[in-house]
């Protein structure tokens, strides 16, 4: 092999490795987004269960962290965003179409469900 052929082979391999890293980074972002949306869905179901269990109407105040999170409650531990965002809890029982918890990455990385009204 000549030096030029060897250089071309190395460049091709480096290009393939670069494509692999870009693909895995996109896969990781997608997995983080999906995990965050599942956390939002679990929080929403917990809020609805608490609402039904205590016969509350939408809009009534409650303490999300104290009422829903803890051993033996609706969520065993506080959810953490896989993309390193932070969650903000609603101070009232959410009306249909609104979320009980929102992620700080909702606007930038798409950490929000497409159709929360069906939850």
C-alpha atoms as a PDB file:
ATOM      1  CA  UNK A   1       0.000   0.000   0.000  1.00  0.00           C
ATOM      2  CA  UNK A   2       1.151   3.454  -0.703  1.00  0.00           C
ATOM      3  CA  UNK A   3       1.047   6.269   1.791  1.00  0.00           C
ATOM      4  CA  UNK A   4      -1.834   7.958  -0.064  1.00  0.00           C
ATOM      5  CA  UNK A   5      -3.984   4.815   0.022  1.00  0.00           C
ATOM      6  CA  UNK A   6      -3.318   4.386   3.719  1.00  0.00           C
ATOM      7  CA  UNK A   7      -4.256   8.027   4.368  1.00  0.00           C
ATOM      8  CA  UNK A   8      -7.523   7.611   2.442  1.00  0.00           C
ATOM      9  CA  UNK A   9      -8.426   4.489   4.425  1.00  0.00           C
ATOM     10  CA  UNK A  10      -7.736   6.291   7.711  1.00  0.00           C
ATOM     11  CA  UNK A  11      -9.829   9.294   6.633  1.00  0.00           C
ATOM     12  CA  UNK A  12     -12.744   7.043   5.681  1.00  0.00           C
ATOM     13  CA  UNK A  13     -12.569   5.272   9.040  1.00  0.00           C
ATOM     14  CA  UNK A  14     -12.456   8.589  10.905  1.00  0.00           C
ATOM     15  CA  UNK A  15     -15.487   9.829   8.953  1.00  0.00           C
ATOM     16  CA  UNK A  16     -17.430   6.689   9.856  1.00  0.00           C
ATOM     17  CA  UNK A  17     -16.510   7.062  13.529  1.00  0.00           C
ATOM     18  CA  UNK A  18     -17.631  10.723  13.468  1.00  0.00           C
ATOM     19  CA  UNK A  19     -20.987   9.697  11.987  1.00  0.00           C
ATOM     20  CA  UNK A  20     -21.328   7.090  14.718  1.00  0.00           C
ATOM     21  CA  UNK A  21     -20.773   9.680  17.466  1.00  0.00           C
ATOM     22  CA  UNK A  22     -23.311  12.072  15.938  1.00  0.00           C
ATOM     23  CA  UNK A  23     -25.867   9.270  15.723  1.00  0.00           C
ATOM     24  CA  UNK A  24     -25.375   8.162  19.317  1.00  0.00           C
ATOM     25  CA  UNK A  25     -25.698  11.749  20.565  1.00  0.00           C
ATOM     26  CA  UNK A  26     -29.022  12.116  18.745  1.00  0.00           C
ATOM     27  CA  UNK A  27     -30.152   8.755  20.127  1.00  0.00           C
ATOM     28  CA  UNK A  28     -29.258   9.873  23.678  1.00  0.00           C
ATOM     29  CA  UNK A  29     -31.228  13.128  23.304  1.00  0.00           C
ATOM     30  CA  UNK A  30     -34.234  11.192  22.032  1.00  0.00           C
ATOM     31  CA  UNK A  31     -34.016   8.725  24.908  1.00  0.00           C
ATOM     32  CA  UNK A  32     -33.782  11.589  27.420  1.00  0.00           C
ATOM     33  CA  UNK A  33     -36.814  13.256  25.848  1.00  0.00           C
ATOM     34  CA  UNK A  34     -38.830  10.021  26.010  1.00  0.00           C
ATOM     35  CA  UNK A  35     -37.844   9.417  29.626  1.00  0.00           C
ATOM     36  CA  UNK A  36     -38.857  12.943  30.579  1.00  0.00           C
ATOM     37  CA  UNK A  37     -42.240  12.593  28.875  1.00  0.00           C
ATOM     38  CA  UNK A  38     -42.804   9.327  30.758  1.00  0.00           C
ATOM     39  CA  UNK A  39     -42.022  11.141  34.022  1.00  0.00           C
ATOM     40  CA  UNK A  40     -44.572  13.813  33.091  1.00  0.00           C
ATOM     41  CA  UNK A  41     -47.145  11.144  32.315  1.00  0.00           C
ATOM     42  CA  UNK A  42     -46.544   9.361  35.629  1.00  0.00           C
ATOM     43  CA  UNK A  43     -46.902  12.656  37.492  1.00  0.00           C
ATOM     44  CA  UNK A  44     -50.122  13.403  35.620  1.00  0.00           C
ATOM     45  CA  UNK A  45     -51.568   9.989  36.454  1.00  0.00           C
ATOM     46  CA  UNK A  46     -50.543  10.430  40.090  1.00  0.00           C
ATOM     47  CA  UNK A  47     -52.275  13.813  40.271  1.00  0.00           C
ATOM     48  CA  UNK A  48     -55.436  12.355  38.712  1.00  0.00           C
ATOM     49  CA  UNK A  49     -55.361   9.403  41.106  1.00  0.00           C
ATOM     50  CA  UNK A  50     -54.951  11.762  44.075  1.00  0.00           C
ATOM     51  CA  UNK A  51     -57.808  13.887  42.736  1.00  0.00           C
ATOM     52  CA  UNK A  52     -60.125  10.901  42.367  1.00  0.00           C
ATOM     53  CA  UNK A  53     -59.079   9.301  45.653  1.00  0.00           C
ATOM     54  CA  UNK A  54     -59.795  12.512  47.605  1.00  0.00           C
ATOM     55  CA  UNK A  55     -62.806  13.588  45.499  1.00  0.00           C
ATOM     56  CA  UNK A  56     -61.255  16.921  44.550  1.00  0.00           C
ATOM     57  CA  UNK A  57     -62.237  19.188  41.674  1.00  0.00           C
ATOM     58  CA  UNK A  58     -59.819  20.619  39.139  1.00  0.00           C
ATOM     59  CA  UNK A  59     -58.317  23.897  40.311  1.00  0.00           C
ATOM     60  CA  UNK A  60     -58.252  23.012  44.032  1.00  0.00           C
ATOM     61  CA  UNK A  61     -54.918  23.601  45.729  1.00  0.00           C
ATOM     62  CA  UNK A  62     -52.637  20.822  46.886  1.00  0.00           C
ATOM     63  CA  UNK A  63     -48.957  20.310  47.610  1.00  0.00           C
ATOM     64  CA  UNK A  64     -47.610  18.070  44.852  1.00  0.00           C
ATOM     65  CA  UNK A  65     -44.417  17.112  46.681  1.00  0.00           C
ATOM     66  CA  UNK A  66     -46.037  16.476  50.079  1.00  0.00           C
ATOM     67  CA  UNK A  67     -49.227  14.819  48.847  1.00  0.00           C
ATOM     68  CA  UNK A  68     -47.926  12.685  45.981  1.00  0.00           C
ATOM     69  CA  UNK A  69     -44.250  11.889  46.578  1.00  0.00           C
ATOM     70  CA  UNK A  70     -42.976   9.472  49.201  1.00  0.00           C
ATOM     71  CA  UNK A  71     -43.081   5.843  50.306  1.00  0.00           C
ATOM     72  CA  UNK A  72     -46.601   4.478  50.096  1.00  0.00           C
ATOM     73  CA  UNK A  73     -47.858   7.482  48.109  1.00  0.00           C
ATOM     74  CA  UNK A  74     -48.574   7.823  44.406  1.00  0.00           C
ATOM     75  CA  UNK A  75     -44.908   8.360  43.422  1.00  0.00           C
ATOM     76  CA  UNK A  76     -42.215   6.566  45.421  1.00  0.00           C
ATOM     77  CA  UNK A  77     -39.565   9.252  44.821  1.00  0.00           C
ATOM     78  CA  UNK A  78     -39.293  12.639  43.168  1.00  0.00           C
ATOM     79  CA  UNK A  79     -38.857  12.325  39.400  1.00  0.00           C
ATOM     80  CA  UNK A  80     -35.607  13.522  37.846  1.00  0.00           C
ATOM     81  CA  UNK A  81     -35.289  14.689  34.261  1.00  0.00           C
ATOM     82  CA  UNK A  82     -32.867  12.432  32.344  1.00  0.00           C
ATOM     83  CA  UNK A  83     -31.743  15.459  30.310  1.00  0.00           C
ATOM     84  CA  UNK A  84     -30.727  17.323  33.501  1.00  0.00           C
ATOM     85  CA  UNK A  85     -33.676  19.711  33.408  1.00  0.00           C
ATOM     86  CA  UNK A  86     -35.705  20.697  36.453  1.00  0.00           C
ATOM     87  CA  UNK A  87     -39.360  20.027  37.133  1.00  0.00           C
ATOM     88  CA  UNK A  88     -41.882  22.595  38.333  1.00  0.00           C
ATOM     89  CA  UNK A  89     -44.992  21.307  40.073  1.00  0.00           C
ATOM     90  CA  UNK A  90     -48.455  22.759  39.764  1.00  0.00           C
ATOM     91  CA  UNK A  91     -49.924  24.210  42.972  1.00  0.00           C
ATOM     92  CA  UNK A  92     -53.452  23.255  41.934  1.00  0.00           C
ATOM     93  CA  UNK A  93     -55.088  20.095  40.650  1.00  0.00           C
ATOM     94  CA  UNK A  94     -54.686  20.511  36.882  1.00  0.00           C
ATOM     95  CA  UNK A  95     -57.734  20.975  34.724  1.00  0.00           C
ATOM     96  CA  UNK A  96     -58.078  18.570  31.782  1.00  0.00           C
ATOM     97  CA  UNK A  97     -55.527  19.473  29.121  1.00  0.00           C
ATOM     98  CA  UNK A  98     -52.995  20.925  31.572  1.00  0.00           C
ATOM     99  CA  UNK A  99     -50.012  19.179  33.154  1.00  0.00           C
ATOM    100  CA  UNK A 100     -49.342  18.666  36.860  1.00  0.00           C
ATOM    101  CA  UNK A 101     -45.595  18.997  36.259  1.00  0.00           C
ATOM    102  CA  UNK A 102     -43.531  20.775  33.597  1.00  0.00           C
ATOM    103  CA  UNK A 103     -39.893  20.438  32.575  1.00  0.00           C
ATOM    104  CA  UNK A 104     -37.509  23.372  32.188  1.00  0.00           C
ATOM    105  CA  UNK A 105     -36.323  21.860  28.881  1.00  0.00           C
ATOM    106  CA  UNK A 106     -39.820  21.832  27.368  1.00  0.00           C
ATOM    107  CA  UNK A 107     -39.197  24.718  24.977  1.00  0.00           C
ATOM    108  CA  UNK A 108     -35.631  23.925  23.944  1.00  0.00           C
ATOM    109  CA  UNK A 109     -35.281  20.147  23.797  1.00  0.00           C
ATOM    110  CA  UNK A 110     -38.917  19.155  23.307  1.00  0.00           C
ATOM    111  CA  UNK A 111     -39.405  17.698  26.788  1.00  0.00           C
ATOM    112  CA  UNK A 112     -43.168  18.014  26.514  1.00  0.00           C
ATOM    113  CA  UNK A 113     -45.898  15.704  25.218  1.00  0.00           C
ATOM    114  CA  UNK A 114     -47.531  16.403  21.876  1.00  0.00           C
ATOM    115  CA  UNK A 115     -51.121  16.006  23.050  1.00  0.00           C
ATOM    116  CA  UNK A 116     -51.391  16.474  26.838  1.00  0.00           C
ATOM    117  CA  UNK A 117     -55.128  17.081  26.509  1.00  0.00           C
ATOM    118  CA  UNK A 118     -55.677  13.333  26.180  1.00  0.00           C
ATOM    119  CA  UNK A 119     -54.007  12.682  29.539  1.00  0.00           C
END
